Amino acid sequence: MKLLALFSLLASTSAFTLSPSAPASSTALHASITRASFVKKGVAFAGAAMLINPNPAFAKFGASIYPSPSDAIIDSEILKSDSVQKSLKEVKSYLDSVRGLKADLAANSQADLIPGIRSSFEFSSVRNNLNTITTVFDEETQRSTDRVNRIIIQDITELEASSKIKEGIPRSEIRFNNVVAKLTKLENAFTELLAFV
C-alpha cells in the first residue's frame, strides 16, 4: 500500500519539474503545464500523502491528552516495595505540610512561611520521592505523573518566591491572596498525584 503511494507520489512530482524544451537563456516565462493539470497533480499529491498516513490523530474537543487517575496502570509489586511506600508516606506528609502552612497563614496573614517551606520541601528529597512514586506506573500513565511532578516542583519554587516578606513591611492583601492561591495550587497538585495511586 505504501509502495503504491510512493510510486504515485513520484509520478505526481513530474508535474513540478522544469520543461526540457524551455530554452535555458530565455527571459520569458514558459509553462508547460496548464492550471487544470497542476490542480489535478496537486490533488494526486495530496491523495498520496493521505495514503501514506491514513490515520491522523484527533483528540476529542476538551479532552485531555494525558491519562486520568482512573486510567492509571499500576504495577502492584513495585507499589508494595518499601521504597515506594516510604515515598508515598513522604508525599502525604508534604500535603499535610501545605495544609499546615495554609492554616498558619489563615491564622496570621503576616506569618513567615519561608522556614516552613524550606524545611518541609527540600528539593532533592521532594524530587527523589516523586520520581520513586512514578516508577509504579506504566509509560503512558507516567506522562501524566511527570506533568504533575513538574507542576509540584514549579509550585514550590513559586510559593517560596511569593511568600517572602520584607522586614518591617506587612504583607498586602494582594500578596496574601497570591500566597493562598499558590498554596491551594500546590495542595491540588499533591492531591492529583496521590489520586493516581
Foldseek 3Di string as FASTA:
>chain_A
DLVVLVVLLVVLCVQVDDDPPDDPPDPDDDHPDDPVSNVVSVVSNVVSVCVNPVDDDDDPVPDDPADALVPWDFQVVLCPDPLLVVLLVLLVVLLVLLVVLLVVCVVPVQDQCQVSLCVSCPPVSLLVSLVSNLVGTDPRNSVVSVVLSVQLVVLSVVLNVLRDDDPPDGQDPVSSVVNSVSSVSNSVSSVRNVSND
